[in-house]
């Protein structure tokens, strides 16, 4: 009895394993939509490990991109009262090297650069309270203008009773042309 139960369990596990591998071989992945874009890879895994293993630092450093081109202001939540703005309230959505992040006033944006002040459509960045750059939100596109064609009268009458259209043919008489039936 015990041998049969063990054999049943072994054959069951073998069947499950075979089914799993059969599905893995025959399954087709769902294709991604044509408008899908790959997610940006996080840069935390890309580190220079040469110094860790004792190699000298490279004499020629890579040319750093211009600081202003690395940052883009995407949105601002600024207080309406001037006193609240000076008190350090507000949040900005800033893209650094294409990666968007939310930053509160006073927090570090990148390296030693911190968000100093937010305004209705701008954010000031700098170090140690000294403004080094001001980011502006791109102006909104102007509204499309033009003219619409004149409205046409609708043949459908809504909200009132409209009589049915007249019939063009007369219905056939109900009487027999031979006369009334004999009794």
Protein backbone atom coordinates (compact mmCIF):
# COMPACT_ATOMS: atom_id res chain seq x y z
CA UNK A 1 0.00 0.00 0.00
CA UNK A 2 2.78 2.42 0.91
CA UNK A 3 4.70 1.51 -2.26
CA UNK A 4 1.67 2.33 -4.41
CA UNK A 5 1.23 5.70 -2.69
CA UNK A 6 4.90 6.59 -3.21
CA UNK A 7 4.67 5.48 -6.85
CA UNK A 8 1.54 7.66 -7.30
CA UNK A 9 3.32 10.72 -5.83
CA UNK A 10 6.44 10.15 -7.98
CA UNK A 11 4.37 9.75 -11.16
CA UNK A 12 2.34 12.84 -10.23
CA UNK A 13 5.49 14.93 -9.78
CA UNK A 14 6.84 13.59 -13.07
CA UNK A 15 3.59 14.54 -14.83
CA UNK A 16 3.62 18.05 -13.32
CA UNK A 17 7.26 18.53 -14.33
CA UNK A 18 6.55 17.34 -17.87
CA UNK A 19 3.53 19.63 -18.13
CA UNK A 20 5.59 22.61 -16.93
CA UNK A 21 8.35 22.05 -19.50
CA UNK A 22 5.80 21.42 -22.25
CA UNK A 23 4.17 24.77 -21.49
CA UNK A 24 7.60 26.46 -21.47
CA UNK A 25 8.40 25.06 -24.91
CA UNK A 26 5.03 25.69 -26.58
CA UNK A 27 3.95 28.99 -25.00
CA UNK A 28 4.28 32.12 -27.12
CA UNK A 29 4.99 35.40 -25.33
CA UNK A 30 2.49 38.22 -25.72
CA UNK A 31 3.97 40.80 -28.11
CA UNK A 32 4.48 44.31 -26.80
CA UNK A 33 2.38 47.07 -28.36
CA UNK A 34 4.09 49.07 -31.10
CA UNK A 35 3.99 52.29 -29.04
CA UNK A 36 5.72 50.69 -26.00
CA UNK A 37 9.11 52.07 -25.06
CA UNK A 38 11.73 50.26 -22.99
CA UNK A 39 12.17 51.43 -19.42
CA UNK A 40 15.35 53.29 -18.61
CA UNK A 41 17.92 51.16 -16.89
CA UNK A 42 18.96 52.27 -13.44
CA UNK A 43 22.51 53.51 -13.37
CA UNK A 44 23.31 52.20 -9.91
CA UNK A 45 24.80 48.97 -11.33
CA UNK A 46 27.23 50.82 -13.58
CA UNK A 47 30.16 51.68 -11.36
CA UNK A 48 33.88 52.04 -12.06
CA UNK A 49 35.52 49.28 -10.02
CA UNK A 50 39.09 49.95 -11.15
CA UNK A 51 39.92 52.01 -8.07
CA UNK A 52 38.47 49.29 -5.85
CA UNK A 53 41.05 46.85 -7.17
CA UNK A 54 43.95 49.29 -6.81
CA UNK A 55 44.29 50.74 -10.32
CA UNK A 56 45.21 54.40 -10.62
CA UNK A 57 42.46 56.83 -11.48
CA UNK A 58 42.22 57.72 -15.15
CA UNK A 59 44.18 60.85 -15.97
CA UNK A 60 41.67 62.13 -18.47
CA UNK A 61 38.14 62.29 -17.11
CA UNK A 62 35.17 62.11 -19.40
CA UNK A 63 33.84 65.47 -20.45
CA UNK A 64 30.94 66.24 -18.14
CA UNK A 65 27.78 67.40 -19.89
CA UNK A 66 26.74 70.99 -19.40
CA UNK A 67 24.87 71.21 -16.10
CA UNK A 68 21.91 73.16 -17.49
CA UNK A 69 21.27 70.57 -20.19
CA UNK A 70 21.05 67.75 -17.63
CA UNK A 71 18.06 69.26 -15.82
CA UNK A 72 14.54 69.88 -17.10
CA UNK A 73 11.69 71.31 -15.05
CA UNK A 74 8.52 69.29 -15.68
CA UNK A 75 6.17 70.69 -13.04
CA UNK A 76 5.91 72.88 -9.96
CA UNK A 77 3.67 72.96 -6.89
CA UNK A 78 4.31 76.43 -5.51
CA UNK A 79 2.55 78.24 -2.64
CA UNK A 80 0.46 81.25 -3.63
CA UNK A 81 1.49 83.42 -0.70
CA UNK A 82 4.92 85.06 -0.89
CA UNK A 83 5.63 84.37 2.80
CA UNK A 84 5.12 80.64 2.34
CA UNK A 85 7.48 80.62 -0.65
CA UNK A 86 10.20 82.29 1.42
CA UNK A 87 9.60 79.79 4.24
CA UNK A 88 10.74 76.98 1.99
CA UNK A 89 7.48 75.38 0.97
CA UNK A 90 6.90 73.84 -2.44
CA UNK A 91 7.74 70.87 -4.61
CA UNK A 92 9.20 70.60 -8.11
CA UNK A 93 9.24 67.72 -10.60
CA UNK A 94 12.70 67.79 -12.16
CA UNK A 95 14.14 65.39 -14.74
CA UNK A 96 17.84 64.75 -14.12
CA UNK A 97 19.51 62.99 -17.08
CA UNK A 98 16.05 61.95 -18.29
CA UNK A 99 14.92 60.44 -14.95
CA UNK A 100 12.11 62.42 -13.31
CA UNK A 101 12.03 62.86 -9.56
CA UNK A 102 10.06 64.91 -7.09
CA UNK A 103 12.12 67.31 -4.97
CA UNK A 104 11.02 69.42 -2.00
CA UNK A 105 12.45 72.87 -1.43
CA UNK A 106 15.74 72.48 0.45
CA UNK A 107 16.37 68.89 -0.69
CA UNK A 108 19.32 67.82 -2.83
CA UNK A 109 18.64 67.43 -6.53
CA UNK A 110 22.01 66.08 -7.72
CA UNK A 111 25.34 66.06 -5.88
CA UNK A 112 25.55 69.28 -3.82
CA UNK A 113 22.95 71.05 -5.96
CA UNK A 114 19.72 71.67 -4.06
CA UNK A 115 16.32 73.14 -4.80
CA UNK A 116 16.27 76.60 -3.24
CA UNK A 117 13.00 78.19 -4.35
CA UNK A 118 9.94 77.41 -6.46
CA UNK A 119 7.79 79.95 -8.23
CA UNK A 120 4.69 79.71 -10.42
CA UNK A 121 6.58 78.46 -13.50
CA UNK A 122 10.21 78.24 -12.36
CA UNK A 123 12.56 76.61 -9.87
CA UNK A 124 15.88 77.95 -8.57
CA UNK A 125 18.78 75.55 -7.99
CA UNK A 126 22.05 76.28 -6.26
CA UNK A 127 24.58 75.44 -3.56
CA UNK A 128 24.77 76.88 -0.04
CA UNK A 129 21.88 79.27 -0.62
CA UNK A 130 23.43 80.83 -3.75
CA UNK A 131 21.34 80.46 -6.90
CA UNK A 132 23.40 79.01 -9.75
CA UNK A 133 20.61 78.23 -12.26
CA UNK A 134 16.93 78.85 -12.78
CA UNK A 135 14.84 76.26 -14.59
CA UNK A 136 11.71 77.36 -16.44
CA UNK A 137 8.70 75.29 -17.49
CA UNK A 138 8.29 75.32 -21.26
CA UNK A 139 5.48 77.71 -22.26
CA UNK A 140 2.19 76.17 -23.25
CA UNK A 141 1.35 75.95 -26.93
CA UNK A 142 -1.15 78.53 -28.09
CA UNK A 143 -4.70 77.38 -28.60
CA UNK A 144 -5.77 76.40 -32.07
CA UNK A 145 -7.96 79.02 -33.69
CA UNK A 146 -10.25 78.88 -36.68
CA UNK A 147 -13.88 78.87 -37.63
CA UNK A 148 -16.45 76.14 -37.72
CA UNK A 149 -18.87 75.64 -40.61
CA UNK A 150 -22.41 76.93 -40.14
CA UNK A 151 -24.81 74.51 -38.45
CA UNK A 152 -27.29 72.70 -40.68
CA UNK A 153 -30.92 72.14 -39.75
CA UNK A 154 -31.64 68.62 -38.57
CA UNK A 155 -34.42 66.60 -40.27
CA UNK A 156 -35.16 64.88 -36.95
CA UNK A 157 -37.61 66.66 -34.67
CA UNK A 158 -36.91 65.97 -31.02
CA UNK A 159 -39.30 66.59 -28.15
CA UNK A 160 -42.54 67.03 -30.12
CA UNK A 161 -44.95 64.87 -32.07
CA UNK A 162 -44.46 64.83 -35.79
CA UNK A 163 -47.27 63.29 -37.89
CA UNK A 164 -46.30 60.28 -39.95
CA UNK A 165 -45.46 61.03 -43.56
CA UNK A 166 -48.36 60.64 -46.05
CA UNK A 167 -48.58 57.34 -47.86
CA UNK A 168 -48.26 57.50 -51.63
CA UNK A 169 -50.45 54.50 -52.48
CA UNK A 170 -54.06 53.89 -51.44
CA UNK A 171 -54.81 50.66 -49.58
CA UNK A 172 -56.91 48.07 -51.43
CA UNK A 173 -60.64 48.04 -50.60
CA UNK A 174 -61.78 45.35 -48.21
CA UNK A 175 -64.93 44.43 -50.16
CA UNK A 176 -65.02 41.74 -52.85
CA UNK A 177 -65.51 43.18 -56.37
CA UNK A 178 -68.03 40.44 -57.15
CA UNK A 179 -70.45 41.79 -54.60
CA UNK A 180 -71.70 40.70 -51.24
CA UNK A 181 -71.78 37.00 -50.53
CA UNK A 182 -75.09 35.19 -51.12
CA UNK A 183 -77.15 33.89 -48.24
